[in-house]
């Protein structure tokens, strides 16, 4: 059996890898006891495969020098940027992650917010709580609802494509912008400016890269339709937050933000009190029982690799510049 160790914050290991997952790992590998959260000393000497998670220290040249047998990394979360270094790629270490599993709840969150925003559910519920009288349903404006509403997906990333799949059964027009793809099934490919001009809802799924920082600019936000909705489950720095705050404060557009820049806004930030903005605490990704999906994918990848079948979800070096 291959020698495997866990490397992550102990709390992350306890959350993601329950006893069922650990038992499944022990069935297919020689799993070292405990969790490594510091590569000081010699904890990786005999390890062939490392199961990593949130809080894993960087696997730099010094760490790898003390891990002569290490040949593979299975990450129980999405992005591997924080710990998979150039030294890993230079060594030829194979890498996989649970990004595909983590994409599922993010896409579900986006779908829910797209549909709820179309019916103006959150705003109308807030008004109902205050007025405690039923509104005149025959007087509801014709721009309320999800019938043939236009939804723009910014980036055909793993999550963006999953959102498009979930939107297909609904009677919606779907647009997508991604400069690295030529066709996405179920969506009309458009330019960036056209996406913002035509969409009733724009859902942001682009990774934060040097070239995408501030991508959703003041100009793009200003071009959005009146009462359009901007949903961001990617990274706060992808959009011009000051321009967004001005547009929502003026009541011109609405926003749903699961991420901000910084991650927790200062207490006096205007977005906190803006009734046209819903802020959630970065909860779209896997949490609670959804961690079980991450664990199952990781165990499956360890099982495949131990059997000599390779990874089903490999992370490739030449794609690192395009993924989160």
C-alpha atoms as a PDB file:
ATOM      1  CA  UNK A   1       0.000   0.000   0.000  1.00  0.00           C
ATOM      2  CA  UNK A   2       1.101   3.542  -0.725  1.00  0.00           C
ATOM      3  CA  UNK A   3       2.079   5.724   2.223  1.00  0.00           C
ATOM      4  CA  UNK A   4      -0.300   8.682   2.620  1.00  0.00           C
ATOM      5  CA  UNK A   5      -0.385  11.591   5.077  1.00  0.00           C
ATOM      6  CA  UNK A   6      -2.829  14.410   5.775  1.00  0.00           C
ATOM      7  CA  UNK A   7      -1.498  17.983   5.587  1.00  0.00           C
ATOM      8  CA  UNK A   8      -3.866  20.784   6.556  1.00  0.00           C
ATOM      9  CA  UNK A   9      -5.155  22.679   9.556  1.00  0.00           C
ATOM     10  CA  UNK A  10      -6.417  20.152  12.132  1.00  0.00           C
ATOM     11  CA  UNK A  11      -9.799  21.893  12.229  1.00  0.00           C
ATOM     12  CA  UNK A  12     -10.102  21.539   8.462  1.00  0.00           C
ATOM     13  CA  UNK A  13      -9.272  17.847   8.673  1.00  0.00           C
ATOM     14  CA  UNK A  14     -11.868  17.329  11.404  1.00  0.00           C
ATOM     15  CA  UNK A  15     -14.521  19.164   9.385  1.00  0.00           C
ATOM     16  CA  UNK A  16     -13.956  17.589   5.972  1.00  0.00           C
ATOM     17  CA  UNK A  17     -12.637  14.101   6.725  1.00  0.00           C
ATOM     18  CA  UNK A  18     -15.051  12.354   9.063  1.00  0.00           C
ATOM     19  CA  UNK A  19     -14.486   8.836  10.352  1.00  0.00           C
ATOM     20  CA  UNK A  20     -16.213   7.324   7.327  1.00  0.00           C
ATOM     21  CA  UNK A  21     -13.802   9.109   4.971  1.00  0.00           C
ATOM     22  CA  UNK A  22     -10.783   8.152   7.064  1.00  0.00           C
ATOM     23  CA  UNK A  23     -11.903   4.526   7.086  1.00  0.00           C
ATOM     24  CA  UNK A  24     -12.252   4.600   3.302  1.00  0.00           C
ATOM     25  CA  UNK A  25      -8.718   5.992   2.990  1.00  0.00           C
ATOM     26  CA  UNK A  26      -7.301   3.295   5.268  1.00  0.00           C
ATOM     27  CA  UNK A  27      -8.890   0.673   3.010  1.00  0.00           C
ATOM     28  CA  UNK A  28      -6.748   1.735   0.045  1.00  0.00           C
ATOM     29  CA  UNK A  29      -3.573   3.178   1.597  1.00  0.00           C
ATOM     30  CA  UNK A  30      -1.251   3.186   4.577  1.00  0.00           C
ATOM     31  CA  UNK A  31      -2.527   6.349   6.243  1.00  0.00           C
ATOM     32  CA  UNK A  32      -0.161   8.041   8.693  1.00  0.00           C
ATOM     33  CA  UNK A  33      -1.586   8.946  12.078  1.00  0.00           C
ATOM     34  CA  UNK A  34      -2.424  12.560  12.852  1.00  0.00           C
ATOM     35  CA  UNK A  35      -2.479  15.689  10.723  1.00  0.00           C
ATOM     36  CA  UNK A  36       0.553  17.651   9.554  1.00  0.00           C
ATOM     37  CA  UNK A  37       0.214  21.428   9.749  1.00  0.00           C
ATOM     38  CA  UNK A  38       3.922  22.245   9.819  1.00  0.00           C
ATOM     39  CA  UNK A  39       6.627  20.752   7.625  1.00  0.00           C
ATOM     40  CA  UNK A  40       9.368  21.428  10.180  1.00  0.00           C
ATOM     41  CA  UNK A  41      11.256  18.304  11.116  1.00  0.00           C
ATOM     42  CA  UNK A  42      10.858  15.239   8.934  1.00  0.00           C
ATOM     43  CA  UNK A  43       7.109  14.487   8.670  1.00  0.00           C
ATOM     44  CA  UNK A  44       7.102  13.644   4.946  1.00  0.00           C
ATOM     45  CA  UNK A  45      10.101  11.309   4.687  1.00  0.00           C
ATOM     46  CA  UNK A  46       8.163   8.198   3.619  1.00  0.00           C
ATOM     47  CA  UNK A  47       5.051   9.860   2.181  1.00  0.00           C
ATOM     48  CA  UNK A  48       4.170   9.064  -1.437  1.00  0.00           C
ATOM     49  CA  UNK A  49       0.850  10.885  -1.629  1.00  0.00           C
ATOM     50  CA  UNK A  50      -0.271  13.884   0.396  1.00  0.00           C
ATOM     51  CA  UNK A  51      -3.932  14.641   1.090  1.00  0.00           C
ATOM     52  CA  UNK A  52      -4.065  18.391   1.624  1.00  0.00           C
ATOM     53  CA  UNK A  53      -6.712  20.869   2.724  1.00  0.00           C
ATOM     54  CA  UNK A  54      -7.274  24.383   4.018  1.00  0.00           C
ATOM     55  CA  UNK A  55      -4.274  25.478   6.046  1.00  0.00           C
ATOM     56  CA  UNK A  56      -1.698  23.268   4.336  1.00  0.00           C
ATOM     57  CA  UNK A  57       1.734  24.956   4.449  1.00  0.00           C
ATOM     58  CA  UNK A  58       3.419  25.730   1.106  1.00  0.00           C
ATOM     59  CA  UNK A  59       5.159  22.734  -0.418  1.00  0.00           C
ATOM     60  CA  UNK A  60       8.281  24.653  -1.334  1.00  0.00           C
ATOM     61  CA  UNK A  61      11.713  23.328  -2.260  1.00  0.00           C
ATOM     62  CA  UNK A  62      12.716  22.892   1.383  1.00  0.00           C
ATOM     63  CA  UNK A  63       9.619  20.855   2.192  1.00  0.00           C
ATOM     64  CA  UNK A  64      10.061  18.711  -0.911  1.00  0.00           C
ATOM     65  CA  UNK A  65      13.704  18.078  -0.111  1.00  0.00           C
ATOM     66  CA  UNK A  66      12.488  16.291   3.017  1.00  0.00           C
ATOM     67  CA  UNK A  67       9.894  14.353   0.984  1.00  0.00           C
ATOM     68  CA  UNK A  68      11.946  12.306  -1.504  1.00  0.00           C
ATOM     69  CA  UNK A  69       9.137   9.819  -2.211  1.00  0.00           C
ATOM     70  CA  UNK A  70       6.295  12.320  -2.673  1.00  0.00           C
ATOM     71  CA  UNK A  71       4.703  11.855  -6.097  1.00  0.00           C
ATOM     72  CA  UNK A  72       1.118  13.092  -5.783  1.00  0.00           C
ATOM     73  CA  UNK A  73      -1.128  15.621  -4.017  1.00  0.00           C
ATOM     74  CA  UNK A  74      -4.874  15.239  -3.503  1.00  0.00           C
ATOM     75  CA  UNK A  75      -6.440  18.504  -2.345  1.00  0.00           C
ATOM     76  CA  UNK A  76      -9.740  18.314  -0.459  1.00  0.00           C
ATOM     77  CA  UNK A  77     -10.747  21.861  -1.421  1.00  0.00           C
ATOM     78  CA  UNK A  78     -10.722  23.972  -4.587  1.00  0.00           C
ATOM     79  CA  UNK A  79      -7.709  26.162  -5.286  1.00  0.00           C
ATOM     80  CA  UNK A  80      -4.201  24.724  -4.857  1.00  0.00           C
ATOM     81  CA  UNK A  81      -2.422  28.055  -5.314  1.00  0.00           C
ATOM     82  CA  UNK A  82      -1.580  28.519  -1.638  1.00  0.00           C
ATOM     83  CA  UNK A  83       0.468  25.346  -1.277  1.00  0.00           C
ATOM     84  CA  UNK A  84       1.367  23.841  -4.654  1.00  0.00           C
ATOM     85  CA  UNK A  85       4.511  25.723  -5.658  1.00  0.00           C
ATOM     86  CA  UNK A  86       6.684  25.768  -8.754  1.00  0.00           C
ATOM     87  CA  UNK A  87       8.938  23.293  -6.969  1.00  0.00           C
ATOM     88  CA  UNK A  88       6.077  20.773  -7.050  1.00  0.00           C
ATOM     89  CA  UNK A  89       5.636  21.152 -10.798  1.00  0.00           C
ATOM     90  CA  UNK A  90       9.396  20.988 -11.351  1.00  0.00           C
ATOM     91  CA  UNK A  91       9.447  17.701  -9.423  1.00  0.00           C
ATOM     92  CA  UNK A  92       6.680  16.347 -11.678  1.00  0.00           C
ATOM     93  CA  UNK A  93       4.287  15.787  -8.787  1.00  0.00           C
ATOM     94  CA  UNK A  94       0.762  14.931  -9.931  1.00  0.00           C
ATOM     95  CA  UNK A  95      -1.965  17.142  -8.487  1.00  0.00           C
ATOM     96  CA  UNK A  96      -5.720  16.895  -8.207  1.00  0.00           C
ATOM     97  CA  UNK A  97      -8.316  18.916  -6.299  1.00  0.00           C
ATOM     98  CA  UNK A  98     -11.944  18.777  -5.231  1.00  0.00           C
ATOM     99  CA  UNK A  99     -12.762  21.896  -7.235  1.00  0.00           C
ATOM    100  CA  UNK A 100     -15.417  19.995  -9.211  1.00  0.00           C
ATOM    101  CA  UNK A 101     -17.148  18.999  -5.984  1.00  0.00           C
ATOM    102  CA  UNK A 102     -16.866  22.479  -4.511  1.00  0.00           C
ATOM    103  CA  UNK A 103     -18.373  23.964  -7.674  1.00  0.00           C
ATOM    104  CA  UNK A 104     -21.713  22.274  -6.989  1.00  0.00           C
ATOM    105  CA  UNK A 105     -22.932  24.322  -3.982  1.00  0.00           C
ATOM    106  CA  UNK A 106     -21.555  27.568  -5.441  1.00  0.00           C
ATOM    107  CA  UNK A 107     -23.579  26.977  -8.594  1.00  0.00           C
ATOM    108  CA  UNK A 108     -26.635  26.084  -6.525  1.00  0.00           C
ATOM    109  CA  UNK A 109     -26.276  29.345  -4.597  1.00  0.00           C
ATOM    110  CA  UNK A 110     -25.993  31.309  -7.845  1.00  0.00           C
ATOM    111  CA  UNK A 111     -29.062  29.590  -9.303  1.00  0.00           C
ATOM    112  CA  UNK A 112     -31.084  30.320  -6.165  1.00  0.00           C
ATOM    113  CA  UNK A 113     -30.094  33.978  -6.127  1.00  0.00           C
ATOM    114  CA  UNK A 114     -30.799  34.401  -9.836  1.00  0.00           C
ATOM    115  CA  UNK A 115     -34.329  33.049  -9.441  1.00  0.00           C
ATOM    116  CA  UNK A 116     -35.036  34.831  -6.149  1.00  0.00           C
ATOM    117  CA  UNK A 117     -33.816  38.148  -7.520  1.00  0.00           C
ATOM    118  CA  UNK A 118     -36.059  37.770 -10.564  1.00  0.00           C
ATOM    119  CA  UNK A 119     -39.124  37.560  -8.319  1.00  0.00           C
ATOM    120  CA  UNK A 120     -37.669  40.258  -6.030  1.00  0.00           C
ATOM    121  CA  UNK A 121     -38.322  37.822  -3.192  1.00  0.00           C
ATOM    122  CA  UNK A 122     -35.973  39.298  -0.600  1.00  0.00           C
ATOM    123  CA  UNK A 123     -37.107  42.884  -1.143  1.00  0.00           C
ATOM    124  CA  UNK A 124     -40.798  41.986  -1.174  1.00  0.00           C
ATOM    125  CA  UNK A 125     -40.435  39.814   1.933  1.00  0.00           C
ATOM    126  CA  UNK A 126     -38.796  42.732   3.740  1.00  0.00           C
ATOM    127  CA  UNK A 127     -41.660  45.025   2.743  1.00  0.00           C
ATOM    128  CA  UNK A 128     -44.215  42.413   3.771  1.00  0.00           C
ATOM    129  CA  UNK A 129     -42.672  42.137   7.229  1.00  0.00           C
ATOM    130  CA  UNK A 130     -42.992  45.909   7.658  1.00  0.00           C
ATOM    131  CA  UNK A 131     -46.457  46.454   6.105  1.00  0.00           C
ATOM    132  CA  UNK A 132     -48.039  43.102   7.051  1.00  0.00           C
ATOM    133  CA  UNK A 133     -50.567  43.459   4.273  1.00  0.00           C
ATOM    134  CA  UNK A 134     -50.669  41.591   0.989  1.00  0.00           C
ATOM    135  CA  UNK A 135     -49.631  43.640  -2.000  1.00  0.00           C
ATOM    136  CA  UNK A 136     -51.852  44.048  -5.043  1.00  0.00           C
ATOM    137  CA  UNK A 137     -50.599  41.093  -7.069  1.00  0.00           C
ATOM    138  CA  UNK A 138     -52.316  42.345 -10.236  1.00  0.00           C
ATOM    139  CA  UNK A 139     -50.291  45.548  -9.955  1.00  0.00           C
ATOM    140  CA  UNK A 140     -46.913  43.801  -9.845  1.00  0.00           C
ATOM    141  CA  UNK A 141     -44.701  45.378 -12.539  1.00  0.00           C
ATOM    142  CA  UNK A 142     -44.118  43.354 -15.694  1.00  0.00           C
ATOM    143  CA  UNK A 143     -40.361  43.358 -15.142  1.00  0.00           C
ATOM    144  CA  UNK A 144     -40.812  41.137 -12.055  1.00  0.00           C
ATOM    145  CA  UNK A 145     -40.435  37.404 -12.688  1.00  0.00           C
ATOM    146  CA  UNK A 146     -38.174  34.918 -14.450  1.00  0.00           C
ATOM    147  CA  UNK A 147     -39.997  34.348 -17.727  1.00  0.00           C
ATOM    148  CA  UNK A 148     -37.509  34.908 -20.553  1.00  0.00           C
ATOM    149  CA  UNK A 149     -35.261  36.922 -18.298  1.00  0.00           C
ATOM    150  CA  UNK A 150     -31.694  37.325 -19.623  1.00  0.00           C
ATOM    151  CA  UNK A 151     -28.914  35.941 -17.448  1.00  0.00           C
ATOM    152  CA  UNK A 152     -25.275  36.717 -18.177  1.00  0.00           C
ATOM    153  CA  UNK A 153     -22.538  34.375 -16.957  1.00  0.00           C
ATOM    154  CA  UNK A 154     -19.125  35.995 -16.655  1.00  0.00           C
ATOM    155  CA  UNK A 155     -16.574  33.213 -17.250  1.00  0.00           C
ATOM    156  CA  UNK A 156     -17.236  29.682 -18.425  1.00  0.00           C
ATOM    157  CA  UNK A 157     -15.241  28.377 -15.489  1.00  0.00           C
ATOM    158  CA  UNK A 158     -16.064  25.081 -13.828  1.00  0.00           C
ATOM    159  CA  UNK A 159     -18.619  26.898 -11.680  1.00  0.00           C
ATOM    160  CA  UNK A 160     -19.870  29.072 -14.526  1.00  0.00           C
ATOM    161  CA  UNK A 161     -20.553  26.032 -16.699  1.00  0.00           C
ATOM    162  CA  UNK A 162     -22.340  24.320 -13.828  1.00  0.00           C
ATOM    163  CA  UNK A 163     -24.586  27.378 -13.395  1.00  0.00           C
ATOM    164  CA  UNK A 164     -25.436  27.265 -17.083  1.00  0.00           C
ATOM    165  CA  UNK A 165     -26.375  23.590 -16.745  1.00  0.00           C
ATOM    166  CA  UNK A 166     -28.653  24.368 -13.810  1.00  0.00           C
ATOM    167  CA  UNK A 167     -30.283  27.263 -15.681  1.00  0.00           C
ATOM    168  CA  UNK A 168     -31.157  25.228 -18.782  1.00  0.00           C
ATOM    169  CA  UNK A 169     -34.484  23.808 -17.524  1.00  0.00           C
ATOM    170  CA  UNK A 170     -35.737  27.340 -16.838  1.00  0.00           C
ATOM    171  CA  UNK A 171     -37.291  29.649 -19.411  1.00  0.00           C
ATOM    172  CA  UNK A 172     -34.344  32.028 -19.510  1.00  0.00           C
ATOM    173  CA  UNK A 173     -32.018  33.492 -22.115  1.00  0.00           C
ATOM    174  CA  UNK A 174     -28.428  32.708 -21.169  1.00  0.00           C
ATOM    175  CA  UNK A 175     -25.408  34.697 -22.303  1.00  0.00           C
ATOM    176  CA  UNK A 176     -21.779  33.899 -21.520  1.00  0.00           C
ATOM    177  CA  UNK A 177     -18.526  35.774 -21.845  1.00  0.00           C
ATOM    178  CA  UNK A 178     -15.169  34.045 -21.677  1.00  0.00           C
ATOM    179  CA  UNK A 179     -12.262  35.001 -23.941  1.00  0.00           C
ATOM    180  CA  UNK A 180     -10.782  31.501 -23.687  1.00  0.00           C
ATOM    181  CA  UNK A 181     -13.751  29.527 -25.003  1.00  0.00           C
ATOM    182  CA  UNK A 182     -15.444  29.553 -28.390  1.00  0.00           C
ATOM    183  CA  UNK A 183     -18.682  27.760 -27.546  1.00  0.00           C
ATOM    184  CA  UNK A 184     -20.668  26.818 -24.457  1.00  0.00           C
ATOM    185  CA  UNK A 185     -23.669  24.530 -24.822  1.00  0.00           C
ATOM    186  CA  UNK A 186     -26.893  26.221 -23.789  1.00  0.00           C
ATOM    187  CA  UNK A 187     -25.552  29.772 -23.864  1.00  0.00           C
ATOM    188  CA  UNK A 188     -24.960  32.514 -26.418  1.00  0.00           C
ATOM    189  CA  UNK A 189     -21.346  33.675 -26.432  1.00  0.00           C
ATOM    190  CA  UNK A 190     -21.052  37.492 -26.374  1.00  0.00           C
ATOM    191  CA  UNK A 191     -18.491  40.182 -25.719  1.00  0.00           C
ATOM    192  CA  UNK A 192     -17.906  41.575 -22.249  1.00  0.00           C
ATOM    193  CA  UNK A 193     -19.648  44.893 -22.838  1.00  0.00           C
ATOM    194  CA  UNK A 194     -22.631  43.202 -24.503  1.00  0.00           C
ATOM    195  CA  UNK A 195     -23.000  40.811 -21.564  1.00  0.00           C
ATOM    196  CA  UNK A 196     -23.496  43.707 -19.154  1.00  0.00           C
ATOM    197  CA  UNK A 197     -25.670  45.750 -21.488  1.00  0.00           C
ATOM    198  CA  UNK A 198     -28.123  42.935 -22.318  1.00  0.00           C
ATOM    199  CA  UNK A 199     -28.400  41.007 -19.054  1.00  0.00           C
ATOM    200  CA  UNK A 200     -31.059  41.366 -16.378  1.00  0.00           C
ATOM    201  CA  UNK A 201     -28.723  39.425 -14.076  1.00  0.00           C
ATOM    202  CA  UNK A 202     -24.954  39.087 -14.305  1.00  0.00           C
ATOM    203  CA  UNK A 203     -23.412  36.256 -12.290  1.00  0.00           C
ATOM    204  CA  UNK A 204     -19.633  36.575 -11.843  1.00  0.00           C
ATOM    205  CA  UNK A 205     -17.550  33.387 -11.880  1.00  0.00           C
ATOM    206  CA  UNK A 206     -14.152  34.544 -13.095  1.00  0.00           C
ATOM    207  CA  UNK A 207     -11.085  33.616 -11.029  1.00  0.00           C
ATOM    208  CA  UNK A 208      -9.069  36.438  -9.474  1.00  0.00           C
ATOM    209  CA  UNK A 209      -5.960  36.785 -11.615  1.00  0.00           C
ATOM    210  CA  UNK A 210      -3.798  39.856 -12.281  1.00  0.00           C
ATOM    211  CA  UNK A 211      -5.724  40.496 -15.506  1.00  0.00           C
ATOM    212  CA  UNK A 212      -9.167  40.062 -13.887  1.00  0.00           C
ATOM    213  CA  UNK A 213      -8.620  42.362 -10.888  1.00  0.00           C
ATOM    214  CA  UNK A 214     -11.158  45.155 -11.335  1.00  0.00           C
ATOM    215  CA  UNK A 215     -12.492  43.499 -14.508  1.00  0.00           C
ATOM    216  CA  UNK A 216     -16.077  44.478 -13.641  1.00  0.00           C
ATOM    217  CA  UNK A 217     -15.334  48.154 -14.029  1.00  0.00           C
ATOM    218  CA  UNK A 218     -17.245  51.348 -13.344  1.00  0.00           C
ATOM    219  CA  UNK A 219     -18.039  51.538 -17.047  1.00  0.00           C
ATOM    220  CA  UNK A 220     -19.509  48.023 -17.143  1.00  0.00           C
ATOM    221  CA  UNK A 221     -21.527  48.585 -13.966  1.00  0.00           C
ATOM    222  CA  UNK A 222     -22.792  51.848 -15.424  1.00  0.00           C
ATOM    223  CA  UNK A 223     -23.927  50.084 -18.594  1.00  0.00           C
ATOM    224  CA  UNK A 224     -26.202  47.627 -16.760  1.00  0.00           C
ATOM    225  CA  UNK A 225     -29.951  47.821 -17.258  1.00  0.00           C
ATOM    226  CA  UNK A 226     -32.047  49.662 -14.694  1.00  0.00           C
ATOM    227  CA  UNK A 227     -32.876  47.251 -11.822  1.00  0.00           C
ATOM    228  CA  UNK A 228     -30.397  44.670 -13.106  1.00  0.00           C
ATOM    229  CA  UNK A 229     -28.743  42.415 -10.537  1.00  0.00           C
ATOM    230  CA  UNK A 230     -25.030  41.739 -10.096  1.00  0.00           C
ATOM    231  CA  UNK A 231     -24.203  38.484  -8.288  1.00  0.00           C
ATOM    232  CA  UNK A 232     -20.633  37.815  -7.199  1.00  0.00           C
ATOM    233  CA  UNK A 233     -19.533  34.439  -5.840  1.00  0.00           C
ATOM    234  CA  UNK A 234     -15.985  34.695  -7.233  1.00  0.00           C
ATOM    235  CA  UNK A 235     -13.710  37.198  -5.461  1.00  0.00           C
ATOM    236  CA  UNK A 236     -14.484  40.708  -4.276  1.00  0.00           C
ATOM    237  CA  UNK A 237     -11.508  42.260  -6.072  1.00  0.00           C
ATOM    238  CA  UNK A 238     -12.874  41.214  -9.463  1.00  0.00           C
ATOM    239  CA  UNK A 239     -15.244  44.173  -9.399  1.00  0.00           C
ATOM    240  CA  UNK A 240     -15.022  47.911  -8.735  1.00  0.00           C
ATOM    241  CA  UNK A 241     -16.715  47.889  -5.334  1.00  0.00           C
ATOM    242  CA  UNK A 242     -16.893  51.684  -5.030  1.00  0.00           C
ATOM    243  CA  UNK A 243     -18.692  51.975  -8.353  1.00  0.00           C
ATOM    244  CA  UNK A 244     -21.053  49.184  -7.326  1.00  0.00           C
ATOM    245  CA  UNK A 245     -21.840  50.894  -4.013  1.00  0.00           C
ATOM    246  CA  UNK A 246     -22.682  54.118  -5.825  1.00  0.00           C
ATOM    247  CA  UNK A 247     -24.952  52.335  -8.329  1.00  0.00           C
ATOM    248  CA  UNK A 248     -26.855  50.385  -5.665  1.00  0.00           C
ATOM    249  CA  UNK A 249     -27.157  53.390  -3.343  1.00  0.00           C
ATOM    250  CA  UNK A 250     -28.749  55.312  -6.203  1.00  0.00           C
ATOM    251  CA  UNK A 251     -31.252  52.460  -6.604  1.00  0.00           C
ATOM    252  CA  UNK A 252     -30.217  51.898 -10.200  1.00  0.00           C
ATOM    253  CA  UNK A 253     -29.145  48.250  -9.798  1.00  0.00           C
ATOM    254  CA  UNK A 254     -29.174  45.540  -7.107  1.00  0.00           C
ATOM    255  CA  UNK A 255     -26.427  43.227  -5.931  1.00  0.00           C
ATOM    256  CA  UNK A 256     -25.898  39.897  -4.201  1.00  0.00           C
ATOM    257  CA  UNK A 257     -22.379  39.562  -2.788  1.00  0.00           C
ATOM    258  CA  UNK A 258     -21.048  36.393  -1.222  1.00  0.00           C
ATOM    259  CA  UNK A 259     -17.550  37.858  -1.407  1.00  0.00           C
ATOM    260  CA  UNK A 260     -16.206  41.367  -0.826  1.00  0.00           C
ATOM    261  CA  UNK A 261     -12.861  43.171  -0.740  1.00  0.00           C
ATOM    262  CA  UNK A 262     -11.777  42.984   2.013  1.00  0.00           C
ATOM    263  CA  UNK A 263     -13.483  39.707   2.913  1.00  0.00           C
ATOM    264  CA  UNK A 264     -15.243  41.399   5.844  1.00  0.00           C
ATOM    265  CA  UNK A 265     -16.063  44.997   4.977  1.00  0.00           C
ATOM    266  CA  UNK A 266     -15.303  47.753   7.514  1.00  0.00           C
ATOM    267  CA  UNK A 267     -18.172  48.311   9.933  1.00  0.00           C
ATOM    268  CA  UNK A 268     -19.101  51.658   8.409  1.00  0.00           C
ATOM    269  CA  UNK A 269     -19.027  50.561   4.767  1.00  0.00           C
ATOM    270  CA  UNK A 270     -22.159  51.764   2.906  1.00  0.00           C
ATOM    271  CA  UNK A 271     -22.860  48.342   1.406  1.00  0.00           C
ATOM    272  CA  UNK A 272     -23.803  47.007   4.860  1.00  0.00           C
ATOM    273  CA  UNK A 273     -26.870  49.249   5.110  1.00  0.00           C
ATOM    274  CA  UNK A 274     -27.846  49.416   1.444  1.00  0.00           C
ATOM    275  CA  UNK A 275     -31.286  47.838   1.006  1.00  0.00           C
ATOM    276  CA  UNK A 276     -30.441  47.060  -2.615  1.00  0.00           C
ATOM    277  CA  UNK A 277     -27.574  44.793  -1.562  1.00  0.00           C
ATOM    278  CA  UNK A 278     -27.580  41.353   0.025  1.00  0.00           C
ATOM    279  CA  UNK A 279     -24.242  40.359   1.575  1.00  0.00           C
ATOM    280  CA  UNK A 280     -23.660  36.783   2.705  1.00  0.00           C
ATOM    281  CA  UNK A 281     -20.555  35.586   4.607  1.00  0.00           C
ATOM    282  CA  UNK A 282     -18.756  33.633   1.851  1.00  0.00           C
ATOM    283  CA  UNK A 283     -21.091  30.682   2.377  1.00  0.00           C
ATOM    284  CA  UNK A 284     -21.700  29.614  -1.222  1.00  0.00           C
ATOM    285  CA  UNK A 285     -18.842  27.112  -1.204  1.00  0.00           C
ATOM    286  CA  UNK A 286     -18.966  23.758   0.542  1.00  0.00           C
ATOM    287  CA  UNK A 287     -20.085  23.854   4.160  1.00  0.00           C
ATOM    288  CA  UNK A 288     -21.710  21.472   6.621  1.00  0.00           C
ATOM    289  CA  UNK A 289     -22.851  18.250   4.994  1.00  0.00           C
ATOM    290  CA  UNK A 290     -21.447  19.457   1.663  1.00  0.00           C
ATOM    291  CA  UNK A 291     -17.942  18.722   3.006  1.00  0.00           C
ATOM    292  CA  UNK A 292     -18.873  15.069   2.504  1.00  0.00           C
ATOM    293  CA  UNK A 293     -18.816  15.614  -1.263  1.00  0.00           C
ATOM    294  CA  UNK A 294     -15.253  16.961  -1.050  1.00  0.00           C
ATOM    295  CA  UNK A 295     -14.168  13.971   1.030  1.00  0.00           C
ATOM    296  CA  UNK A 296     -15.767  11.479  -1.358  1.00  0.00           C
ATOM    297  CA  UNK A 297     -14.004  12.993  -4.353  1.00  0.00           C
ATOM    298  CA  UNK A 298     -10.658  13.006  -2.522  1.00  0.00           C
ATOM    299  CA  UNK A 299     -11.024   9.366  -1.465  1.00  0.00           C
ATOM    300  CA  UNK A 300     -11.965   8.404  -5.025  1.00  0.00           C
ATOM    301  CA  UNK A 301      -8.873  10.154  -6.379  1.00  0.00           C
ATOM    302  CA  UNK A 302      -6.573   8.452  -3.848  1.00  0.00           C
ATOM    303  CA  UNK A 303      -8.166   5.116  -4.761  1.00  0.00           C
ATOM    304  CA  UNK A 304      -7.632   5.675  -8.493  1.00  0.00           C
ATOM    305  CA  UNK A 305      -4.023   6.780  -8.066  1.00  0.00           C
ATOM    306  CA  UNK A 306      -3.185   3.894  -5.731  1.00  0.00           C
ATOM    307  CA  UNK A 307      -4.534   1.493  -8.359  1.00  0.00           C
ATOM    308  CA  UNK A 308      -2.385   3.081 -11.059  1.00  0.00           C
ATOM    309  CA  UNK A 309      -5.315   4.676 -12.904  1.00  0.00           C
ATOM    310  CA  UNK A 310      -4.277   8.310 -12.525  1.00  0.00           C
ATOM    311  CA  UNK A 311      -6.484  11.193 -11.437  1.00  0.00           C
ATOM    312  CA  UNK A 312      -9.960  11.874 -12.799  1.00  0.00           C
ATOM    313  CA  UNK A 313      -9.653  15.589 -11.984  1.00  0.00           C
ATOM    314  CA  UNK A 314      -6.014  16.516 -12.599  1.00  0.00           C
ATOM    315  CA  UNK A 315      -4.765  20.056 -12.031  1.00  0.00           C
ATOM    316  CA  UNK A 316      -2.339  20.867 -14.841  1.00  0.00           C
ATOM    317  CA  UNK A 317       0.581  23.250 -14.634  1.00  0.00           C
ATOM    318  CA  UNK A 318      -0.206  24.953 -17.932  1.00  0.00           C
ATOM    319  CA  UNK A 319      -3.729  25.772 -16.707  1.00  0.00           C
ATOM    320  CA  UNK A 320      -2.661  27.443 -13.461  1.00  0.00           C
ATOM    321  CA  UNK A 321      -2.768  30.875 -15.078  1.00  0.00           C
ATOM    322  CA  UNK A 322      -6.466  30.470 -15.860  1.00  0.00           C
ATOM    323  CA  UNK A 323      -7.901  28.909 -12.696  1.00  0.00           C
ATOM    324  CA  UNK A 324      -8.543  30.119  -9.182  1.00  0.00           C
END
